Amino acid sequence: NGIESKVLEKEDVKKVYQQRFHEIKSLKPKIGIDEYEKRYKELKVEEGNEMQEVDIKNSMKINRDCSLLRQELEDKHASEVIQLKEKQMKEKNDLLSKLFAIEKVKSEDLKKRID
């Protein structure tokens, strides 16, 4: 989808400039070879600049998309780390509760034996 739209955008630019090159070529007999070559070179530079703008715009979009994806992955990782830590703390608290319950029973049992 993204790559196809970038290719189509460049193809659209090429089509526009092919049309403009054709227009200049049709004027060649009226404007002469020197003027034709001058306009053709100018148009080629213009086309190159516009293609470069398309590439820069696409590159910026790709960089922005990569940054967003990277941030999304970092956020997901941080969330997973937090969930893991919470799970570990809960398990630790559960074990401590069980240990305290066992110690309480032992303490009560020892107290009964002493009495």
C-alpha atoms as a PDB file:
ATOM      1  CA  ASN A   1       0.000   0.000   0.000  1.00  0.00           C
ATOM      2  CA  GLY A   2       2.576   2.600   1.085  1.00  0.00           C
ATOM      3  CA  ILE A   3       5.207   1.622  -1.472  1.00  0.00           C
ATOM      4  CA  GLU A   4       2.610   1.405  -4.241  1.00  0.00           C
ATOM      5  CA  SER A   5       1.358   4.923  -3.492  1.00  0.00           C
ATOM      6  CA  LYS A   6       4.935   6.246  -3.572  1.00  0.00           C
ATOM      7  CA  VAL A   7       5.529   4.596  -6.958  1.00  0.00           C
ATOM      8  CA  LEU A   8       2.210   5.940  -8.255  1.00  0.00           C
ATOM      9  CA  GLU A   9       3.089   9.443  -7.044  1.00  0.00           C
ATOM     10  CA  LYS A  10       6.395   9.324  -8.926  1.00  0.00           C
ATOM     11  CA  GLU A  11       4.614   7.918 -11.986  1.00  0.00           C
ATOM     12  CA  ASP A  12       2.160  10.845 -11.838  1.00  0.00           C
ATOM     13  CA  VAL A  13       5.081  13.293 -11.802  1.00  0.00           C
ATOM     14  CA  LYS A  14       6.653  11.496 -14.768  1.00  0.00           C
ATOM     15  CA  LYS A  15       3.363  11.634 -16.707  1.00  0.00           C
ATOM     16  CA  VAL A  16       3.017  15.374 -16.087  1.00  0.00           C
ATOM     17  CA  TYR A  17       6.537  16.009 -17.299  1.00  0.00           C
ATOM     18  CA  GLN A  18       6.168  13.676 -20.306  1.00  0.00           C
ATOM     19  CA  GLN A  19       3.182  15.796 -21.311  1.00  0.00           C
ATOM     20  CA  ARG A  20       5.193  18.991 -20.852  1.00  0.00           C
ATOM     21  CA  PHE A  21       8.146  17.542 -22.834  1.00  0.00           C
ATOM     22  CA  HIS A  22       5.719  16.640 -25.615  1.00  0.00           C
ATOM     23  CA  GLU A  23       4.332  20.197 -25.588  1.00  0.00           C
ATOM     24  CA  ILE A  24       7.821  21.664 -25.869  1.00  0.00           C
ATOM     25  CA  LYS A  25       8.705  19.224 -28.658  1.00  0.00           C
ATOM     26  CA  SER A  26       5.613  20.301 -30.596  1.00  0.00           C
ATOM     27  CA  LEU A  27       6.794  23.939 -30.288  1.00  0.00           C
ATOM     28  CA  LYS A  28      10.277  23.093 -31.577  1.00  0.00           C
ATOM     29  CA  PRO A  29       9.630  24.266 -35.162  1.00  0.00           C
ATOM     30  CA  LYS A  30       8.264  27.595 -33.894  1.00  0.00           C
ATOM     31  CA  ILE A  31      10.870  28.350 -31.193  1.00  0.00           C
ATOM     32  CA  GLY A  32      13.989  26.925 -32.841  1.00  0.00           C
ATOM     33  CA  ILE A  33      16.485  24.323 -31.693  1.00  0.00           C
ATOM     34  CA  ASP A  34      18.377  26.573 -29.257  1.00  0.00           C
ATOM     35  CA  GLU A  35      15.238  27.686 -27.395  1.00  0.00           C
ATOM     36  CA  TYR A  36      13.933  24.106 -27.482  1.00  0.00           C
ATOM     37  CA  GLU A  37      17.131  22.740 -25.911  1.00  0.00           C
ATOM     38  CA  LYS A  38      17.111  25.518 -23.295  1.00  0.00           C
ATOM     39  CA  ARG A  39      13.491  24.820 -22.306  1.00  0.00           C
ATOM     40  CA  TYR A  40      14.082  21.057 -22.403  1.00  0.00           C
ATOM     41  CA  LYS A  41      17.050  21.334 -20.014  1.00  0.00           C
ATOM     42  CA  GLU A  42      15.081  23.629 -17.685  1.00  0.00           C
ATOM     43  CA  LEU A  43      12.184  21.201 -17.694  1.00  0.00           C
ATOM     44  CA  LYS A  44      14.532  18.264 -17.007  1.00  0.00           C
ATOM     45  CA  VAL A  45      15.946  20.135 -13.983  1.00  0.00           C
ATOM     46  CA  GLU A  46      12.411  20.952 -12.819  1.00  0.00           C
ATOM     47  CA  GLU A  47      11.385  17.304 -13.179  1.00  0.00           C
ATOM     48  CA  GLY A  48      14.474  16.166 -11.253  1.00  0.00           C
ATOM     49  CA  ASN A  49      13.728  18.641  -8.471  1.00  0.00           C
ATOM     50  CA  GLU A  50      10.119  17.546  -8.207  1.00  0.00           C
ATOM     51  CA  MET A  51      11.111  13.859  -8.149  1.00  0.00           C
ATOM     52  CA  GLN A  52      13.607  14.683  -5.415  1.00  0.00           C
ATOM     53  CA  GLU A  53      10.866  16.475  -3.440  1.00  0.00           C
ATOM     54  CA  VAL A  54       8.666  13.380  -3.747  1.00  0.00           C
ATOM     55  CA  ASP A  55      11.553  11.217  -2.503  1.00  0.00           C
ATOM     56  CA  ILE A  56      12.258  13.581   0.415  1.00  0.00           C
ATOM     57  CA  LYS A  57       8.576  13.713   1.373  1.00  0.00           C
ATOM     58  CA  ASN A  58       8.345   9.905   1.210  1.00  0.00           C
ATOM     59  CA  SER A  59      11.553   9.529   3.201  1.00  0.00           C
ATOM     60  CA  MET A  60      10.239  11.882   5.891  1.00  0.00           C
ATOM     61  CA  LYS A  61       6.999   9.903   6.064  1.00  0.00           C
ATOM     62  CA  ILE A  62       8.925   6.626   6.358  1.00  0.00           C
ATOM     63  CA  ASN A  63      11.088   8.117   9.139  1.00  0.00           C
ATOM     64  CA  ARG A  64       7.979   9.392  10.950  1.00  0.00           C
ATOM     65  CA  ASP A  65       6.287   5.987  10.601  1.00  0.00           C
ATOM     66  CA  CYS A  66       9.437   4.248  11.889  1.00  0.00           C
ATOM     67  CA  SER A  67       9.606   6.603  14.875  1.00  0.00           C
ATOM     68  CA  LEU A  68       5.961   5.957  15.709  1.00  0.00           C
ATOM     69  CA  LEU A  69       6.457   2.205  15.384  1.00  0.00           C
ATOM     70  CA  ARG A  70       9.611   2.342  17.518  1.00  0.00           C
ATOM     71  CA  GLN A  71       7.750   4.339  20.193  1.00  0.00           C
ATOM     72  CA  GLU A  72       4.837   1.916  20.066  1.00  0.00           C
ATOM     73  CA  LEU A  73       7.201  -1.044  20.512  1.00  0.00           C
ATOM     74  CA  GLU A  74       9.038   0.688  23.376  1.00  0.00           C
ATOM     75  CA  ASP A  75       5.720   1.473  25.081  1.00  0.00           C
ATOM     76  CA  LYS A  76       4.566  -2.127  24.621  1.00  0.00           C
ATOM     77  CA  HIS A  77       7.855  -3.424  26.018  1.00  0.00           C
ATOM     78  CA  ALA A  78       7.640  -1.084  29.009  1.00  0.00           C
ATOM     79  CA  SER A  79       4.069  -2.204  29.635  1.00  0.00           C
ATOM     80  CA  GLU A  80       5.101  -5.856  29.459  1.00  0.00           C
ATOM     81  CA  VAL A  81       7.996  -5.231  31.873  1.00  0.00           C
ATOM     82  CA  ILE A  82       5.626  -3.498  34.315  1.00  0.00           C
ATOM     83  CA  GLN A  83       3.138  -6.369  34.081  1.00  0.00           C
ATOM     84  CA  LEU A  84       5.919  -8.894  34.683  1.00  0.00           C
ATOM     85  CA  LYS A  85       7.188  -6.951  37.723  1.00  0.00           C
ATOM     86  CA  GLU A  86       3.643  -6.708  39.104  1.00  0.00           C
ATOM     87  CA  LYS A  87       3.186 -10.459  38.651  1.00  0.00           C
ATOM     88  CA  GLN A  88       6.517 -11.159  40.362  1.00  0.00           C
ATOM     89  CA  MET A  89       5.601  -8.867  43.284  1.00  0.00           C
ATOM     90  CA  LYS A  90       2.202 -10.550  43.652  1.00  0.00           C
ATOM     91  CA  GLU A  91       3.839 -13.987  43.647  1.00  0.00           C
ATOM     92  CA  LYS A  92       6.407 -12.790  46.188  1.00  0.00           C
ATOM     93  CA  ASN A  93       3.646 -11.363  48.418  1.00  0.00           C
ATOM     94  CA  ASP A  94       1.667 -14.603  48.124  1.00  0.00           C
ATOM     95  CA  LEU A  95       4.736 -16.625  49.130  1.00  0.00           C
ATOM     96  CA  LEU A  96       5.439 -14.289  52.048  1.00  0.00           C
ATOM     97  CA  SER A  97       1.820 -14.583  53.198  1.00  0.00           C
ATOM     98  CA  LYS A  98       2.073 -18.377  53.084  1.00  0.00           C
ATOM     99  CA  LEU A  99       5.394 -18.267  54.913  1.00  0.00           C
ATOM    100  CA  PHE A 100       3.944 -16.027  57.631  1.00  0.00           C
ATOM    101  CA  ALA A 101       0.936 -18.342  57.958  1.00  0.00           C
ATOM    102  CA  ILE A 102       3.273 -21.346  58.337  1.00  0.00           C
ATOM    103  CA  GLU A 103       5.401 -19.462  60.887  1.00  0.00           C
ATOM    104  CA  LYS A 104       2.255 -18.489  62.793  1.00  0.00           C
ATOM    105  CA  VAL A 105       1.091 -22.105  62.907  1.00  0.00           C
ATOM    106  CA  LYS A 106       4.561 -23.228  64.034  1.00  0.00           C
ATOM    107  CA  SER A 107       4.656 -20.522  66.662  1.00  0.00           C
ATOM    108  CA  GLU A 108       1.198 -21.484  67.961  1.00  0.00           C
ATOM    109  CA  ASP A 109       2.170 -25.163  67.917  1.00  0.00           C
ATOM    110  CA  LEU A 110       5.370 -24.420  69.845  1.00  0.00           C
ATOM    111  CA  LYS A 111       3.417 -22.309  72.337  1.00  0.00           C
ATOM    112  CA  LYS A 112       0.968 -25.210  72.889  1.00  0.00           C
ATOM    113  CA  ARG A 113       3.858 -27.581  73.513  1.00  0.00           C
ATOM    114  CA  ILE A 114       5.405 -25.194  76.007  1.00  0.00           C
ATOM    115  CA  ASP A 115       2.119 -24.747  77.840  1.00  0.00           C
END
